[in-house]
């Protein structure tokens, strides 16, 4: 790699870090000065998506695809925006983004653009789904429940824990994001830091679901870029406090219809919930 390419990579990483903390204007200023190569445009599109400007993000990704029709990130980002604007976005796992080899999280569509989205069913090879005739398949009817010890270890005063299958859903009792923002409030950051310590050393799989506050006239189903952004911000804090790599977490956009505090103060729903399952 020559010096010019290295400098461009450093500037892109700096722009990603600025976007991560919500300074979209500074991130865009840097990226607009780096030219129109696909890598720069891809990151610029993610910044647009992170700040909620999905139309601009789609236009920039379209520019990427005009040069490289097989660009995986641009295809995935375009598909995500299409799903959101149709109101058909479902909550799927979204991997955490790594920028410049660091563990800096890129929120919202910065992370979401690194799809493809997969589900447990789709990850199975075709022959694994069809190798057993339907007539001979046996479905267990034995009820499942979480390990009581796991539930007890997660039951702290600042959360509500609910059994879900063999795992536990963790609902925070206080909101944690600033109004109309994907930035954590000081109280929200403290909540997550405490929870990262709670998870430290546990053999669990943690899914972080971001929530948004539904607005009048907006979609009532599907996920949102804001929700993904909040999940990514939460993972960053949980990973540091829990001394785990960000890749140990899965982040998702929750359904907009599944507010953790339905009918309550909307500020309580500017939050994330956790799904904690034994490994």
C-alpha atoms as a PDB file:
ATOM      1  CA  UNK A   1       0.000   0.000   0.000  1.00  0.00           C
ATOM      2  CA  UNK A   2       1.447   3.410  -0.979  1.00  0.00           C
ATOM      3  CA  UNK A   3       1.384   6.493   1.240  1.00  0.00           C
ATOM      4  CA  UNK A   4      -1.611   8.041  -0.532  1.00  0.00           C
ATOM      5  CA  UNK A   5      -3.726   4.923  -0.141  1.00  0.00           C
ATOM      6  CA  UNK A   6      -2.718   4.596   3.490  1.00  0.00           C
ATOM      7  CA  UNK A   7      -3.643   8.224   4.186  1.00  0.00           C
ATOM      8  CA  UNK A   8      -7.023   7.703   2.527  1.00  0.00           C
ATOM      9  CA  UNK A   9      -7.666   4.632   4.679  1.00  0.00           C
ATOM     10  CA  UNK A  10      -6.748   6.581   7.809  1.00  0.00           C
ATOM     11  CA  UNK A  11      -9.119   9.404   6.814  1.00  0.00           C
ATOM     12  CA  UNK A  12     -11.922   6.923   6.169  1.00  0.00           C
ATOM     13  CA  UNK A  13     -11.376   5.358   9.589  1.00  0.00           C
ATOM     14  CA  UNK A  14     -11.434   8.824  11.159  1.00  0.00           C
ATOM     15  CA  UNK A  15     -14.699   9.599   9.366  1.00  0.00           C
ATOM     16  CA  UNK A  16     -16.171   6.324  10.639  1.00  0.00           C
ATOM     17  CA  UNK A  17     -15.183   7.196  14.196  1.00  0.00           C
ATOM     18  CA  UNK A  18     -16.800  10.625  13.860  1.00  0.00           C
ATOM     19  CA  UNK A  19     -19.988   9.060  12.531  1.00  0.00           C
ATOM     20  CA  UNK A  20     -19.957   6.584  15.394  1.00  0.00           C
ATOM     21  CA  UNK A  21     -20.164   9.418  17.944  1.00  0.00           C
ATOM     22  CA  UNK A  22     -22.818  11.256  15.937  1.00  0.00           C
ATOM     23  CA  UNK A  23     -20.702  13.941  14.236  1.00  0.00           C
ATOM     24  CA  UNK A  24     -22.131  13.254  10.790  1.00  0.00           C
ATOM     25  CA  UNK A  25     -21.276  16.683   9.354  1.00  0.00           C
ATOM     26  CA  UNK A  26     -17.571  16.242  10.071  1.00  0.00           C
ATOM     27  CA  UNK A  27     -17.625  12.680   8.737  1.00  0.00           C
ATOM     28  CA  UNK A  28     -19.277  13.807   5.498  1.00  0.00           C
ATOM     29  CA  UNK A  29     -16.799  16.677   5.115  1.00  0.00           C
ATOM     30  CA  UNK A  30     -13.876  14.253   5.286  1.00  0.00           C
ATOM     31  CA  UNK A  31     -15.427  11.727   2.923  1.00  0.00           C
ATOM     32  CA  UNK A  32     -16.461  14.344   0.355  1.00  0.00           C
ATOM     33  CA  UNK A  33     -12.798  15.296   0.072  1.00  0.00           C
ATOM     34  CA  UNK A  34     -11.573  11.757  -0.604  1.00  0.00           C
ATOM     35  CA  UNK A  35     -12.939  11.260  -4.100  1.00  0.00           C
ATOM     36  CA  UNK A  36     -15.600   8.937  -5.478  1.00  0.00           C
ATOM     37  CA  UNK A  37     -13.982   5.511  -5.160  1.00  0.00           C
ATOM     38  CA  UNK A  38     -16.382   2.709  -4.099  1.00  0.00           C
ATOM     39  CA  UNK A  39     -14.944   2.291  -0.581  1.00  0.00           C
ATOM     40  CA  UNK A  40     -15.334   5.990   0.199  1.00  0.00           C
ATOM     41  CA  UNK A  41     -18.804   6.175  -1.334  1.00  0.00           C
ATOM     42  CA  UNK A  42     -19.896   3.081   0.576  1.00  0.00           C
ATOM     43  CA  UNK A  43     -18.913   4.671   3.869  1.00  0.00           C
ATOM     44  CA  UNK A  44     -20.564   7.959   2.863  1.00  0.00           C
ATOM     45  CA  UNK A  45     -23.787   6.083   2.150  1.00  0.00           C
ATOM     46  CA  UNK A  46     -23.644   4.488   5.584  1.00  0.00           C
ATOM     47  CA  UNK A  47     -23.213   7.917   7.177  1.00  0.00           C
ATOM     48  CA  UNK A  48     -26.299   9.167   5.325  1.00  0.00           C
ATOM     49  CA  UNK A  49     -28.234   6.110   6.473  1.00  0.00           C
ATOM     50  CA  UNK A  50     -27.052   6.513  10.053  1.00  0.00           C
ATOM     51  CA  UNK A  51     -28.424  10.055  10.207  1.00  0.00           C
ATOM     52  CA  UNK A  52     -31.733   8.852   8.761  1.00  0.00           C
ATOM     53  CA  UNK A  53     -31.321  10.220   5.214  1.00  0.00           C
ATOM     54  CA  UNK A  54     -32.196   6.965   3.501  1.00  0.00           C
ATOM     55  CA  UNK A  55     -32.913   8.533   0.102  1.00  0.00           C
ATOM     56  CA  UNK A  56     -29.427  10.053  -0.067  1.00  0.00           C
ATOM     57  CA  UNK A  57     -27.878   6.800   1.144  1.00  0.00           C
ATOM     58  CA  UNK A  58     -29.693   4.891  -1.589  1.00  0.00           C
ATOM     59  CA  UNK A  59     -28.485   7.376  -4.224  1.00  0.00           C
ATOM     60  CA  UNK A  60     -24.848   7.037  -3.142  1.00  0.00           C
ATOM     61  CA  UNK A  61     -25.067   3.244  -3.047  1.00  0.00           C
ATOM     62  CA  UNK A  62     -26.581   3.388  -6.549  1.00  0.00           C
ATOM     63  CA  UNK A  63     -23.461   5.269  -7.661  1.00  0.00           C
ATOM     64  CA  UNK A  64     -21.310   2.491  -6.183  1.00  0.00           C
ATOM     65  CA  UNK A  65     -23.348  -0.144  -8.013  1.00  0.00           C
ATOM     66  CA  UNK A  66     -22.999   1.733 -11.305  1.00  0.00           C
ATOM     67  CA  UNK A  67     -19.252   1.093 -11.036  1.00  0.00           C
ATOM     68  CA  UNK A  68     -19.346  -2.290  -9.308  1.00  0.00           C
ATOM     69  CA  UNK A  69     -22.722  -4.041  -9.753  1.00  0.00           C
ATOM     70  CA  UNK A  70     -21.625  -6.861  -7.417  1.00  0.00           C
ATOM     71  CA  UNK A  71     -20.522  -4.621  -4.527  1.00  0.00           C
ATOM     72  CA  UNK A  72     -21.805  -6.648  -1.546  1.00  0.00           C
ATOM     73  CA  UNK A  73     -22.147  -3.787   0.936  1.00  0.00           C
ATOM     74  CA  UNK A  74     -23.963  -1.519  -1.525  1.00  0.00           C
ATOM     75  CA  UNK A  75     -26.324  -4.314  -2.532  1.00  0.00           C
ATOM     76  CA  UNK A  76     -27.074  -5.119   1.095  1.00  0.00           C
ATOM     77  CA  UNK A  77     -27.559  -1.479   2.071  1.00  0.00           C
ATOM     78  CA  UNK A  78     -29.874  -0.860  -0.868  1.00  0.00           C
ATOM     79  CA  UNK A  79     -31.879  -3.950   0.036  1.00  0.00           C
ATOM     80  CA  UNK A  80     -32.109  -2.857   3.678  1.00  0.00           C
ATOM     81  CA  UNK A  81     -33.379   0.605   2.739  1.00  0.00           C
ATOM     82  CA  UNK A  82     -35.908  -0.896   0.355  1.00  0.00           C
ATOM     83  CA  UNK A  83     -37.195  -3.163   3.128  1.00  0.00           C
ATOM     84  CA  UNK A  84     -37.439  -0.294   5.614  1.00  0.00           C
ATOM     85  CA  UNK A  85     -39.224   2.092   3.254  1.00  0.00           C
ATOM     86  CA  UNK A  86     -41.736  -0.636   2.339  1.00  0.00           C
ATOM     87  CA  UNK A  87     -42.414  -1.199   6.028  1.00  0.00           C
ATOM     88  CA  UNK A  88     -41.394  -4.810   5.552  1.00  0.00           C
ATOM     89  CA  UNK A  89     -38.110  -4.806   7.423  1.00  0.00           C
ATOM     90  CA  UNK A  90     -37.973  -7.673   9.888  1.00  0.00           C
ATOM     91  CA  UNK A  91     -35.589  -8.027  12.798  1.00  0.00           C
ATOM     92  CA  UNK A  92     -32.592 -10.002  11.559  1.00  0.00           C
ATOM     93  CA  UNK A  93     -29.145 -10.408  13.076  1.00  0.00           C
ATOM     94  CA  UNK A  94     -26.699  -7.754  11.951  1.00  0.00           C
ATOM     95  CA  UNK A  95     -22.976  -8.257  12.390  1.00  0.00           C
ATOM     96  CA  UNK A  96     -20.827  -5.613  14.023  1.00  0.00           C
ATOM     97  CA  UNK A  97     -18.611  -3.561  11.705  1.00  0.00           C
ATOM     98  CA  UNK A  98     -14.863  -3.339  12.143  1.00  0.00           C
ATOM     99  CA  UNK A  99     -13.183  -0.295  10.635  1.00  0.00           C
ATOM    100  CA  UNK A 100      -9.500  -0.043   9.817  1.00  0.00           C
ATOM    101  CA  UNK A 101      -8.710  -3.201  11.772  1.00  0.00           C
ATOM    102  CA  UNK A 102      -9.861  -1.574  15.042  1.00  0.00           C
ATOM    103  CA  UNK A 103     -12.827  -2.572  17.179  1.00  0.00           C
ATOM    104  CA  UNK A 104     -14.580   0.727  16.534  1.00  0.00           C
ATOM    105  CA  UNK A 105     -18.277   0.100  16.008  1.00  0.00           C
ATOM    106  CA  UNK A 106     -19.984   1.785  13.125  1.00  0.00           C
ATOM    107  CA  UNK A 107     -23.587   2.394  14.054  1.00  0.00           C
ATOM    108  CA  UNK A 108     -26.839   2.244  12.146  1.00  0.00           C
ATOM    109  CA  UNK A 109     -26.430   1.476   8.489  1.00  0.00           C
ATOM    110  CA  UNK A 110     -22.661   1.546   8.964  1.00  0.00           C
ATOM    111  CA  UNK A 111     -23.225  -1.797  10.631  1.00  0.00           C
ATOM    112  CA  UNK A 112     -26.357  -2.737   8.727  1.00  0.00           C
ATOM    113  CA  UNK A 113     -24.637  -2.418   5.378  1.00  0.00           C
ATOM    114  CA  UNK A 114     -22.387  -5.322   6.267  1.00  0.00           C
ATOM    115  CA  UNK A 115     -25.198  -7.803   5.759  1.00  0.00           C
ATOM    116  CA  UNK A 116     -26.123 -10.302   4.149  1.00  0.00           C
ATOM    117  CA  UNK A 117     -28.910 -10.925   6.564  1.00  0.00           C
ATOM    118  CA  UNK A 118     -29.234 -14.509   7.538  1.00  0.00           C
ATOM    119  CA  UNK A 119     -31.585 -16.492   9.661  1.00  0.00           C
ATOM    120  CA  UNK A 120     -31.023 -19.759  11.448  1.00  0.00           C
ATOM    121  CA  UNK A 121     -33.170 -21.521   8.864  1.00  0.00           C
ATOM    122  CA  UNK A 122     -31.339 -20.032   5.885  1.00  0.00           C
ATOM    123  CA  UNK A 123     -27.942 -20.918   7.302  1.00  0.00           C
ATOM    124  CA  UNK A 124     -28.709 -24.622   7.061  1.00  0.00           C
ATOM    125  CA  UNK A 125     -27.542 -26.313   3.861  1.00  0.00           C
ATOM    126  CA  UNK A 126     -30.465 -27.315   1.612  1.00  0.00           C
ATOM    127  CA  UNK A 127     -29.908 -31.026   2.125  1.00  0.00           C
ATOM    128  CA  UNK A 128     -29.995 -30.580   5.912  1.00  0.00           C
ATOM    129  CA  UNK A 129     -33.510 -29.164   5.679  1.00  0.00           C
ATOM    130  CA  UNK A 130     -34.854 -31.932   3.466  1.00  0.00           C
ATOM    131  CA  UNK A 131     -32.902 -35.030   4.437  1.00  0.00           C
ATOM    132  CA  UNK A 132     -35.537 -36.272   6.908  1.00  0.00           C
ATOM    133  CA  UNK A 133     -38.988 -37.029   5.469  1.00  0.00           C
ATOM    134  CA  UNK A 134     -41.698 -34.952   7.111  1.00  0.00           C
ATOM    135  CA  UNK A 135     -43.595 -38.056   8.193  1.00  0.00           C
ATOM    136  CA  UNK A 136     -40.669 -39.312  10.251  1.00  0.00           C
ATOM    137  CA  UNK A 137     -39.694 -36.022  11.908  1.00  0.00           C
ATOM    138  CA  UNK A 138     -40.315 -35.885  15.616  1.00  0.00           C
ATOM    139  CA  UNK A 139     -41.206 -32.610  17.279  1.00  0.00           C
ATOM    140  CA  UNK A 140     -40.549 -32.355  20.977  1.00  0.00           C
ATOM    141  CA  UNK A 141     -43.499 -31.167  23.042  1.00  0.00           C
ATOM    142  CA  UNK A 142     -41.503 -30.895  26.245  1.00  0.00           C
ATOM    143  CA  UNK A 143     -41.683 -27.313  27.553  1.00  0.00           C
ATOM    144  CA  UNK A 144     -38.365 -25.508  27.777  1.00  0.00           C
ATOM    145  CA  UNK A 145     -37.416 -22.943  30.350  1.00  0.00           C
ATOM    146  CA  UNK A 146     -34.300 -20.948  31.178  1.00  0.00           C
ATOM    147  CA  UNK A 147     -31.778 -22.080  33.731  1.00  0.00           C
ATOM    148  CA  UNK A 148     -33.006 -20.686  37.089  1.00  0.00           C
ATOM    149  CA  UNK A 149     -29.427 -19.862  38.018  1.00  0.00           C
ATOM    150  CA  UNK A 150     -29.052 -17.780  34.852  1.00  0.00           C
ATOM    151  CA  UNK A 151     -32.258 -15.884  35.566  1.00  0.00           C
ATOM    152  CA  UNK A 152     -31.198 -15.235  39.141  1.00  0.00           C
ATOM    153  CA  UNK A 153     -27.788 -13.948  38.073  1.00  0.00           C
ATOM    154  CA  UNK A 154     -29.379 -11.469  35.651  1.00  0.00           C
ATOM    155  CA  UNK A 155     -32.119 -10.211  37.987  1.00  0.00           C
ATOM    156  CA  UNK A 156     -30.757  -6.836  39.061  1.00  0.00           C
ATOM    157  CA  UNK A 157     -32.845  -3.896  40.370  1.00  0.00           C
ATOM    158  CA  UNK A 158     -32.537  -1.838  37.178  1.00  0.00           C
ATOM    159  CA  UNK A 159     -34.047  -4.446  34.825  1.00  0.00           C
ATOM    160  CA  UNK A 160     -37.021  -6.699  34.326  1.00  0.00           C
ATOM    161  CA  UNK A 161     -36.155 -10.275  33.334  1.00  0.00           C
ATOM    162  CA  UNK A 162     -38.557 -12.492  31.405  1.00  0.00           C
ATOM    163  CA  UNK A 163     -38.095 -16.145  30.440  1.00  0.00           C
ATOM    164  CA  UNK A 164     -38.020 -16.763  26.693  1.00  0.00           C
ATOM    165  CA  UNK A 165     -37.443 -20.391  25.750  1.00  0.00           C
ATOM    166  CA  UNK A 166     -34.150 -21.488  27.239  1.00  0.00           C
ATOM    167  CA  UNK A 167     -32.978 -17.896  27.585  1.00  0.00           C
ATOM    168  CA  UNK A 168     -33.837 -14.644  29.297  1.00  0.00           C
ATOM    169  CA  UNK A 169     -35.104 -11.328  27.956  1.00  0.00           C
ATOM    170  CA  UNK A 170     -33.663  -8.349  29.804  1.00  0.00           C
ATOM    171  CA  UNK A 171     -35.702  -5.115  29.763  1.00  0.00           C
ATOM    172  CA  UNK A 172     -34.092  -1.982  31.168  1.00  0.00           C
ATOM    173  CA  UNK A 173     -36.382   0.048  33.409  1.00  0.00           C
ATOM    174  CA  UNK A 174     -35.006   3.424  32.279  1.00  0.00           C
ATOM    175  CA  UNK A 175     -34.471   4.861  28.802  1.00  0.00           C
ATOM    176  CA  UNK A 176     -30.860   5.239  27.754  1.00  0.00           C
ATOM    177  CA  UNK A 177     -30.688   7.416  24.626  1.00  0.00           C
ATOM    178  CA  UNK A 178     -31.038  11.152  24.193  1.00  0.00           C
ATOM    179  CA  UNK A 179     -34.209  12.461  22.461  1.00  0.00           C
ATOM    180  CA  UNK A 180     -34.210  11.906  18.687  1.00  0.00           C
ATOM    181  CA  UNK A 181     -30.684  10.560  18.945  1.00  0.00           C
ATOM    182  CA  UNK A 182     -28.587   7.438  18.719  1.00  0.00           C
ATOM    183  CA  UNK A 183     -26.201   8.814  21.361  1.00  0.00           C
ATOM    184  CA  UNK A 184     -26.326   7.330  24.842  1.00  0.00           C
ATOM    185  CA  UNK A 185     -27.265   9.553  27.752  1.00  0.00           C
ATOM    186  CA  UNK A 186     -24.838   9.507  30.698  1.00  0.00           C
ATOM    187  CA  UNK A 187     -27.360   7.437  32.657  1.00  0.00           C
ATOM    188  CA  UNK A 188     -27.791   5.032  29.757  1.00  0.00           C
ATOM    189  CA  UNK A 189     -24.060   4.544  29.439  1.00  0.00           C
ATOM    190  CA  UNK A 190     -23.796   3.789  33.159  1.00  0.00           C
ATOM    191  CA  UNK A 191     -26.594   1.204  32.875  1.00  0.00           C
ATOM    192  CA  UNK A 192     -24.772  -0.579  30.070  1.00  0.00           C
ATOM    193  CA  UNK A 193     -21.415  -0.428  31.815  1.00  0.00           C
ATOM    194  CA  UNK A 194     -22.956  -2.123  34.844  1.00  0.00           C
ATOM    195  CA  UNK A 195     -24.523  -4.719  32.587  1.00  0.00           C
ATOM    196  CA  UNK A 196     -21.325  -5.442  30.765  1.00  0.00           C
ATOM    197  CA  UNK A 197     -19.878  -6.333  34.160  1.00  0.00           C
ATOM    198  CA  UNK A 198     -22.876  -8.551  34.925  1.00  0.00           C
ATOM    199  CA  UNK A 199     -22.225 -10.504  31.714  1.00  0.00           C
ATOM    200  CA  UNK A 200     -18.489 -10.772  32.317  1.00  0.00           C
ATOM    201  CA  UNK A 201     -17.312 -14.376  32.411  1.00  0.00           C
ATOM    202  CA  UNK A 202     -20.720 -15.882  31.616  1.00  0.00           C
ATOM    203  CA  UNK A 203     -20.967 -18.560  28.929  1.00  0.00           C
ATOM    204  CA  UNK A 204     -23.871 -16.900  27.133  1.00  0.00           C
ATOM    205  CA  UNK A 205     -24.864 -15.633  23.713  1.00  0.00           C
ATOM    206  CA  UNK A 206     -26.182 -12.070  23.811  1.00  0.00           C
ATOM    207  CA  UNK A 207     -28.433 -10.497  21.191  1.00  0.00           C
ATOM    208  CA  UNK A 208     -28.864  -6.739  21.538  1.00  0.00           C
ATOM    209  CA  UNK A 209     -32.121  -5.366  20.108  1.00  0.00           C
ATOM    210  CA  UNK A 210     -32.380  -1.643  19.479  1.00  0.00           C
ATOM    211  CA  UNK A 211     -35.716   0.105  19.843  1.00  0.00           C
ATOM    212  CA  UNK A 212     -37.103   3.265  18.301  1.00  0.00           C
ATOM    213  CA  UNK A 213     -40.090   5.384  19.220  1.00  0.00           C
ATOM    214  CA  UNK A 214     -42.837   5.075  16.607  1.00  0.00           C
ATOM    215  CA  UNK A 215     -43.919   8.423  15.180  1.00  0.00           C
ATOM    216  CA  UNK A 216     -47.456   9.321  14.023  1.00  0.00           C
ATOM    217  CA  UNK A 217     -47.906   8.427  10.381  1.00  0.00           C
ATOM    218  CA  UNK A 218     -44.712   6.365  10.276  1.00  0.00           C
ATOM    219  CA  UNK A 219     -44.347   2.603   9.799  1.00  0.00           C
ATOM    220  CA  UNK A 220     -45.644   0.524  12.681  1.00  0.00           C
ATOM    221  CA  UNK A 221     -43.905  -2.688  11.681  1.00  0.00           C
ATOM    222  CA  UNK A 222     -40.417  -3.636  10.587  1.00  0.00           C
ATOM    223  CA  UNK A 223     -37.119  -2.363  11.939  1.00  0.00           C
ATOM    224  CA  UNK A 224     -35.354   0.958  11.564  1.00  0.00           C
ATOM    225  CA  UNK A 225     -31.877   2.365  11.047  1.00  0.00           C
ATOM    226  CA  UNK A 226     -32.194   4.242  14.345  1.00  0.00           C
ATOM    227  CA  UNK A 227     -32.871   0.999  16.193  1.00  0.00           C
ATOM    228  CA  UNK A 228     -29.831  -0.654  14.619  1.00  0.00           C
ATOM    229  CA  UNK A 229     -27.743   2.403  15.555  1.00  0.00           C
ATOM    230  CA  UNK A 230     -28.814   2.148  19.178  1.00  0.00           C
ATOM    231  CA  UNK A 231     -28.041  -1.548  19.294  1.00  0.00           C
ATOM    232  CA  UNK A 232     -24.564  -0.895  17.875  1.00  0.00           C
ATOM    233  CA  UNK A 233     -23.891   1.876  20.406  1.00  0.00           C
ATOM    234  CA  UNK A 234     -24.943  -0.449  23.219  1.00  0.00           C
ATOM    235  CA  UNK A 235     -22.738  -3.292  21.985  1.00  0.00           C
ATOM    236  CA  UNK A 236     -19.720  -1.028  22.024  1.00  0.00           C
ATOM    237  CA  UNK A 237     -20.192  -0.244  25.730  1.00  0.00           C
ATOM    238  CA  UNK A 238     -21.153  -3.792  26.710  1.00  0.00           C
ATOM    239  CA  UNK A 239     -18.119  -5.234  24.949  1.00  0.00           C
ATOM    240  CA  UNK A 240     -15.655  -2.949  26.733  1.00  0.00           C
ATOM    241  CA  UNK A 241     -17.262  -3.331  30.161  1.00  0.00           C
ATOM    242  CA  UNK A 242     -17.620  -7.087  29.773  1.00  0.00           C
ATOM    243  CA  UNK A 243     -14.110  -7.551  28.387  1.00  0.00           C
ATOM    244  CA  UNK A 244     -15.469  -9.295  25.310  1.00  0.00           C
ATOM    245  CA  UNK A 245     -14.910  -8.630  21.607  1.00  0.00           C
ATOM    246  CA  UNK A 246     -17.823  -6.850  19.867  1.00  0.00           C
ATOM    247  CA  UNK A 247     -18.114  -9.866  17.578  1.00  0.00           C
ATOM    248  CA  UNK A 248     -19.324 -11.857  20.590  1.00  0.00           C
ATOM    249  CA  UNK A 249     -22.620  -9.993  20.284  1.00  0.00           C
ATOM    250  CA  UNK A 250     -25.378 -10.016  17.686  1.00  0.00           C
ATOM    251  CA  UNK A 251     -27.234  -6.776  17.121  1.00  0.00           C
ATOM    252  CA  UNK A 252     -30.715  -6.436  15.687  1.00  0.00           C
ATOM    253  CA  UNK A 253     -33.434  -3.934  15.029  1.00  0.00           C
ATOM    254  CA  UNK A 254     -36.497  -4.815  17.063  1.00  0.00           C
ATOM    255  CA  UNK A 255     -39.934  -4.608  15.500  1.00  0.00           C
ATOM    256  CA  UNK A 256     -41.327  -1.117  15.920  1.00  0.00           C
ATOM    257  CA  UNK A 257     -44.518  -2.652  17.285  1.00  0.00           C
ATOM    258  CA  UNK A 258     -42.670  -4.396  20.148  1.00  0.00           C
ATOM    259  CA  UNK A 259     -41.955  -1.468  22.445  1.00  0.00           C
ATOM    260  CA  UNK A 260     -40.588  -2.768  25.766  1.00  0.00           C
ATOM    261  CA  UNK A 261     -42.680  -0.210  27.677  1.00  0.00           C
ATOM    262  CA  UNK A 262     -45.902  -0.057  25.656  1.00  0.00           C
ATOM    263  CA  UNK A 263     -48.189   2.798  26.650  1.00  0.00           C
ATOM    264  CA  UNK A 264     -45.581   4.383  28.919  1.00  0.00           C
ATOM    265  CA  UNK A 265     -43.443   7.508  28.573  1.00  0.00           C
ATOM    266  CA  UNK A 266     -41.836   7.324  25.082  1.00  0.00           C
ATOM    267  CA  UNK A 267     -38.477   8.170  26.660  1.00  0.00           C
ATOM    268  CA  UNK A 268     -38.462   4.697  28.221  1.00  0.00           C
ATOM    269  CA  UNK A 269     -38.523   3.144  24.744  1.00  0.00           C
ATOM    270  CA  UNK A 270     -35.366   4.927  23.595  1.00  0.00           C
ATOM    271  CA  UNK A 271     -33.473   1.877  24.695  1.00  0.00           C
ATOM    272  CA  UNK A 272     -32.219  -1.596  23.917  1.00  0.00           C
ATOM    273  CA  UNK A 273     -33.276  -4.962  25.242  1.00  0.00           C
ATOM    274  CA  UNK A 274     -31.091  -8.028  25.576  1.00  0.00           C
ATOM    275  CA  UNK A 275     -31.773 -11.649  24.734  1.00  0.00           C
ATOM    276  CA  UNK A 276     -29.383 -13.764  26.787  1.00  0.00           C
ATOM    277  CA  UNK A 277     -29.134 -17.447  25.870  1.00  0.00           C
ATOM    278  CA  UNK A 278     -26.810 -20.141  27.224  1.00  0.00           C
ATOM    279  CA  UNK A 279     -24.116 -21.221  24.778  1.00  0.00           C
END
